[in-house]
């Protein structure tokens, strides 16, 4: 199960996120999402747990818990909505 973790402290690392969730079961992967340019945390991340029962137990236990001075928001991640395709850059401004 893929789990969304929001409101993370910006100093939180992948390893800390992994350790937090491994208290409740096996963690396949844990990653804090970072800005592409600055490599600074965006304040949220994702955790993958193969066992749904362990994942649900972790969600119930960690949601609302204060970590690093911030109350975490934890729930099952939802698929990213489709975004409309962007038009290519046209410096002349003319229509094709």
N, C-alpha and C. Protein backbone atom coordinates (compact mmCIF):
# COMPACT_ATOMS: atom_id res chain seq x y z
N UNK A 1 0.85 -1.18 0.00
CA UNK A 1 0.00 0.00 0.00
C UNK A 1 0.89 1.24 0.00
N UNK A 2 0.50 2.22 -0.77
CA UNK A 2 1.25 3.47 -0.87
C UNK A 2 0.60 4.47 0.10
N UNK A 3 1.41 5.09 0.96
CA UNK A 3 0.92 5.98 2.01
C UNK A 3 1.47 7.39 1.80
N UNK A 4 0.58 8.38 1.88
CA UNK A 4 0.96 9.79 1.80
C UNK A 4 1.23 10.29 3.21
N UNK A 5 2.32 11.03 3.39
CA UNK A 5 2.65 11.63 4.69
C UNK A 5 2.85 13.12 4.46
N UNK A 6 1.96 13.94 5.01
CA UNK A 6 2.02 15.38 4.82
C UNK A 6 2.38 16.13 6.08
N UNK A 7 2.74 17.39 5.92
CA UNK A 7 3.10 18.29 7.00
C UNK A 7 4.38 17.85 7.70
N UNK A 8 5.32 17.29 6.93
CA UNK A 8 6.61 16.88 7.48
C UNK A 8 7.47 18.10 7.77
N UNK A 9 8.28 18.01 8.80
CA UNK A 9 9.28 19.05 9.05
C UNK A 9 10.26 19.02 7.87
N UNK A 10 10.75 20.17 7.46
CA UNK A 10 11.61 20.23 6.28
C UNK A 10 12.94 19.51 6.48
N UNK A 11 13.33 19.27 7.72
CA UNK A 11 14.58 18.58 8.00
C UNK A 11 14.44 17.06 8.01
N UNK A 12 13.23 16.54 7.86
CA UNK A 12 13.00 15.09 7.88
C UNK A 12 13.69 14.42 6.70
N UNK A 13 14.36 13.30 6.99
CA UNK A 13 15.08 12.55 5.94
C UNK A 13 14.31 11.28 5.58
N UNK A 14 14.72 10.66 4.48
CA UNK A 14 14.13 9.39 4.07
C UNK A 14 14.30 8.34 5.16
N UNK A 15 15.47 8.29 5.76
CA UNK A 15 15.75 7.30 6.81
C UNK A 15 14.87 7.50 8.04
N UNK A 16 14.65 8.75 8.42
CA UNK A 16 13.78 9.02 9.57
C UNK A 16 12.34 8.61 9.27
N UNK A 17 11.88 8.86 8.06
CA UNK A 17 10.54 8.47 7.66
C UNK A 17 10.41 6.94 7.67
N UNK A 18 11.43 6.27 7.17
CA UNK A 18 11.46 4.81 7.18
C UNK A 18 11.40 4.28 8.61
N UNK A 19 12.20 4.84 9.51
CA UNK A 19 12.23 4.39 10.90
C UNK A 19 10.89 4.60 11.59
N UNK A 20 10.22 5.70 11.30
CA UNK A 20 8.93 6.00 11.91
C UNK A 20 7.90 4.94 11.55
N UNK A 21 7.86 4.54 10.28
CA UNK A 21 6.86 3.57 9.83
C UNK A 21 7.27 2.12 10.10
N UNK A 22 8.56 1.84 10.20
CA UNK A 22 9.00 0.46 10.43
C UNK A 22 8.63 -0.03 11.83
N UNK A 23 8.21 0.87 12.72
CA UNK A 23 7.71 0.46 14.04
C UNK A 23 6.43 -0.37 13.88
N UNK A 24 5.74 -0.24 12.75
CA UNK A 24 4.44 -0.88 12.54
C UNK A 24 4.49 -2.01 11.52
N UNK A 25 5.64 -2.27 10.93
CA UNK A 25 5.75 -3.36 9.98
C UNK A 25 6.85 -3.13 8.96
N UNK A 26 6.83 -3.93 7.93
CA UNK A 26 7.84 -3.88 6.88
C UNK A 26 7.61 -2.69 5.95
N UNK A 27 8.68 -1.94 5.71
CA UNK A 27 8.63 -0.79 4.81
C UNK A 27 9.45 -1.12 3.57
N UNK A 28 8.81 -1.07 2.40
CA UNK A 28 9.51 -1.32 1.13
C UNK A 28 10.32 -0.11 0.71
N UNK A 29 9.74 1.08 0.88
CA UNK A 29 10.41 2.31 0.46
C UNK A 29 9.82 3.48 1.23
N UNK A 30 10.64 4.47 1.48
CA UNK A 30 10.19 5.71 2.13
C UNK A 30 10.98 6.84 1.49
N UNK A 31 10.25 7.86 1.02
CA UNK A 31 10.98 8.98 0.40
C UNK A 31 10.27 10.30 0.67
N UNK A 32 11.10 11.27 1.00
CA UNK A 32 10.63 12.64 1.18
C UNK A 32 10.75 13.32 -0.17
N UNK A 33 9.70 13.98 -0.63
CA UNK A 33 9.71 14.64 -1.93
C UNK A 33 10.49 15.95 -1.81
N UNK A 34 11.40 16.16 -2.78
CA UNK A 34 12.27 17.34 -2.76
C UNK A 34 12.10 18.16 -4.02
N UNK A 35 12.36 19.45 -3.90
CA UNK A 35 12.33 20.36 -5.04
C UNK A 35 13.45 19.97 -6.00
N UNK A 36 13.16 19.96 -7.29
CA UNK A 36 14.16 19.56 -8.29
C UNK A 36 15.38 20.47 -8.32
N UNK A 37 15.16 21.76 -8.15
CA UNK A 37 16.25 22.72 -8.28
C UNK A 37 17.05 22.85 -7.00
N UNK A 38 16.37 23.09 -5.88
CA UNK A 38 17.06 23.36 -4.62
C UNK A 38 17.36 22.12 -3.80
N UNK A 39 16.73 21.00 -4.13
CA UNK A 39 16.85 19.75 -3.38
C UNK A 39 16.39 19.89 -1.92
N UNK A 40 15.57 20.89 -1.67
CA UNK A 40 15.00 21.11 -0.33
C UNK A 40 13.66 20.37 -0.25
N UNK A 41 13.37 19.82 0.93
CA UNK A 41 12.12 19.09 1.12
C UNK A 41 10.92 19.97 0.83
N UNK A 42 9.87 19.35 0.25
CA UNK A 42 8.63 20.07 0.00
C UNK A 42 7.65 19.89 1.16
N UNK A 43 8.03 19.12 2.19
CA UNK A 43 7.18 18.96 3.36
C UNK A 43 6.20 17.80 3.30
N UNK A 44 6.40 16.91 2.32
CA UNK A 44 5.57 15.70 2.27
C UNK A 44 6.38 14.56 1.68
N UNK A 45 5.85 13.35 1.83
CA UNK A 45 6.56 12.19 1.32
C UNK A 45 5.63 11.01 1.14
N UNK A 46 6.21 9.89 0.74
CA UNK A 46 5.44 8.67 0.50
C UNK A 46 6.17 7.48 1.11
N UNK A 47 5.39 6.55 1.63
CA UNK A 47 5.92 5.32 2.21
C UNK A 47 5.18 4.16 1.57
N UNK A 48 5.92 3.11 1.20
CA UNK A 48 5.31 1.90 0.65
C UNK A 48 5.44 0.78 1.67
N UNK A 49 4.31 0.17 2.00
CA UNK A 49 4.28 -0.98 2.90
C UNK A 49 3.55 -2.11 2.18
N UNK A 50 4.17 -3.30 2.04
CA UNK A 50 3.55 -4.38 1.28
C UNK A 50 2.33 -5.00 1.96
N UNK A 51 2.26 -4.98 3.28
CA UNK A 51 1.15 -5.59 4.02
C UNK A 51 0.10 -4.52 4.33
N UNK A 52 -1.11 -4.68 3.79
CA UNK A 52 -2.17 -3.68 3.97
C UNK A 52 -2.59 -3.53 5.43
N UNK A 53 -2.59 -4.62 6.19
CA UNK A 53 -2.97 -4.55 7.61
C UNK A 53 -1.96 -3.73 8.39
N UNK A 54 -0.68 -3.95 8.13
CA UNK A 54 0.37 -3.17 8.80
C UNK A 54 0.29 -1.70 8.38
N UNK A 55 0.01 -1.47 7.11
CA UNK A 55 -0.09 -0.10 6.60
C UNK A 55 -1.25 0.63 7.26
N UNK A 56 -2.40 -0.02 7.37
CA UNK A 56 -3.55 0.61 8.02
C UNK A 56 -3.29 0.88 9.49
N UNK A 57 -2.57 -0.03 10.16
CA UNK A 57 -2.22 0.18 11.56
C UNK A 57 -1.28 1.39 11.70
N UNK A 58 -0.34 1.52 10.78
CA UNK A 58 0.59 2.65 10.80
C UNK A 58 -0.15 3.96 10.56
N UNK A 59 -1.07 3.97 9.60
CA UNK A 59 -1.85 5.17 9.30
C UNK A 59 -2.63 5.60 10.53
N UNK A 60 -3.31 4.65 11.17
CA UNK A 60 -4.12 4.97 12.34
C UNK A 60 -3.27 5.49 13.50
N UNK A 61 -2.08 4.93 13.67
CA UNK A 61 -1.23 5.31 14.79
C UNK A 61 -0.48 6.62 14.57
N UNK A 62 -0.08 6.89 13.33
CA UNK A 62 0.79 8.05 13.07
C UNK A 62 0.00 9.30 12.68
N UNK A 63 -1.17 9.15 12.09
CA UNK A 63 -1.95 10.32 11.68
C UNK A 63 -2.25 11.21 12.89
N UNK A 64 -1.84 12.46 12.81
CA UNK A 64 -2.05 13.41 13.90
C UNK A 64 -0.93 13.44 14.92
N UNK A 65 -0.02 12.48 14.85
CA UNK A 65 1.10 12.45 15.80
C UNK A 65 2.05 13.61 15.51
N UNK A 66 2.57 14.21 16.55
CA UNK A 66 3.51 15.32 16.38
C UNK A 66 4.93 14.77 16.24
N UNK A 67 5.56 15.11 15.14
CA UNK A 67 6.94 14.69 14.86
C UNK A 67 7.68 15.92 14.36
N UNK A 68 8.77 16.24 14.99
CA UNK A 68 9.55 17.41 14.58
C UNK A 68 8.78 18.71 14.77
N UNK A 69 7.88 18.73 15.75
CA UNK A 69 7.11 19.94 16.04
C UNK A 69 5.92 20.15 15.12
N UNK A 70 5.59 19.15 14.29
CA UNK A 70 4.46 19.29 13.36
C UNK A 70 3.56 18.07 13.45
N UNK A 71 2.26 18.29 13.43
CA UNK A 71 1.29 17.19 13.43
C UNK A 71 1.20 16.62 12.02
N UNK A 72 1.52 15.34 11.88
CA UNK A 72 1.54 14.71 10.56
C UNK A 72 0.14 14.38 10.06
N UNK A 73 -0.05 14.49 8.77
CA UNK A 73 -1.27 14.05 8.10
C UNK A 73 -0.90 12.80 7.31
N UNK A 74 -1.52 11.69 7.66
CA UNK A 74 -1.16 10.42 7.05
C UNK A 74 -2.42 9.74 6.54
N UNK A 75 -2.40 9.32 5.27
CA UNK A 75 -3.51 8.56 4.71
C UNK A 75 -3.04 7.79 3.48
N UNK A 76 -3.92 6.92 2.99
CA UNK A 76 -3.58 6.17 1.79
C UNK A 76 -3.46 7.15 0.63
N UNK A 77 -2.40 7.03 -0.14
CA UNK A 77 -2.20 7.98 -1.23
C UNK A 77 -3.21 7.73 -2.34
N UNK A 78 -3.59 8.78 -3.01
CA UNK A 78 -4.54 8.73 -4.13
C UNK A 78 -3.75 8.93 -5.41
N UNK A 79 -4.22 8.35 -6.52
CA UNK A 79 -3.52 8.57 -7.78
C UNK A 79 -3.53 10.05 -8.16
N UNK A 80 -2.47 10.46 -8.77
CA UNK A 80 -2.34 11.86 -9.19
C UNK A 80 -3.35 12.13 -10.31
N UNK A 81 -4.11 13.21 -10.20
CA UNK A 81 -5.09 13.49 -11.26
C UNK A 81 -4.37 13.86 -12.56
N UNK A 82 -5.00 13.50 -13.68
CA UNK A 82 -4.42 13.85 -14.98
C UNK A 82 -4.44 15.36 -15.15
N UNK A 83 -3.32 15.89 -15.60
CA UNK A 83 -3.25 17.32 -15.87
C UNK A 83 -3.37 17.53 -17.37
N UNK A 84 -3.97 18.64 -17.79
CA UNK A 84 -4.07 18.88 -19.24
C UNK A 84 -2.68 19.04 -19.84
N UNK A 85 -2.54 18.55 -21.06
CA UNK A 85 -1.26 18.65 -21.74
C UNK A 85 -0.96 20.10 -22.06
N UNK A 86 0.29 20.50 -21.81
CA UNK A 86 0.69 21.88 -22.09
C UNK A 86 1.03 22.04 -23.56
N UNK A 87 0.71 23.23 -24.06
CA UNK A 87 1.08 23.52 -25.44
C UNK A 87 2.56 23.85 -25.49
N UNK A 88 3.24 23.52 -26.58
CA UNK A 88 4.67 23.83 -26.70
C UNK A 88 4.89 25.35 -26.75
N UNK A 89 6.04 25.76 -26.32
CA UNK A 89 6.41 27.16 -26.32
C UNK A 89 6.52 27.67 -27.75
N UNK A 90 5.86 28.82 -28.02
CA UNK A 90 5.88 29.41 -29.35
C UNK A 90 6.26 30.89 -29.17
N UNK A 91 7.53 31.24 -29.32
CA UNK A 91 7.99 32.61 -29.05
C UNK A 91 7.37 33.66 -29.95
N UNK A 92 6.94 33.31 -31.15
CA UNK A 92 6.38 34.31 -32.06
C UNK A 92 4.94 34.65 -31.71
N UNK A 93 4.30 33.78 -30.96
CA UNK A 93 2.93 34.03 -30.55
C UNK A 93 1.91 33.75 -31.64
N UNK A 94 2.38 33.34 -32.82
CA UNK A 94 1.43 33.06 -33.90
C UNK A 94 0.78 31.70 -33.68
N UNK A 95 -0.42 31.57 -34.23
CA UNK A 95 -1.07 30.26 -34.17
C UNK A 95 -0.50 29.41 -35.27
N UNK A 96 -0.43 28.17 -35.07
CA UNK A 96 0.20 27.24 -35.99
C UNK A 96 -0.44 27.36 -37.30
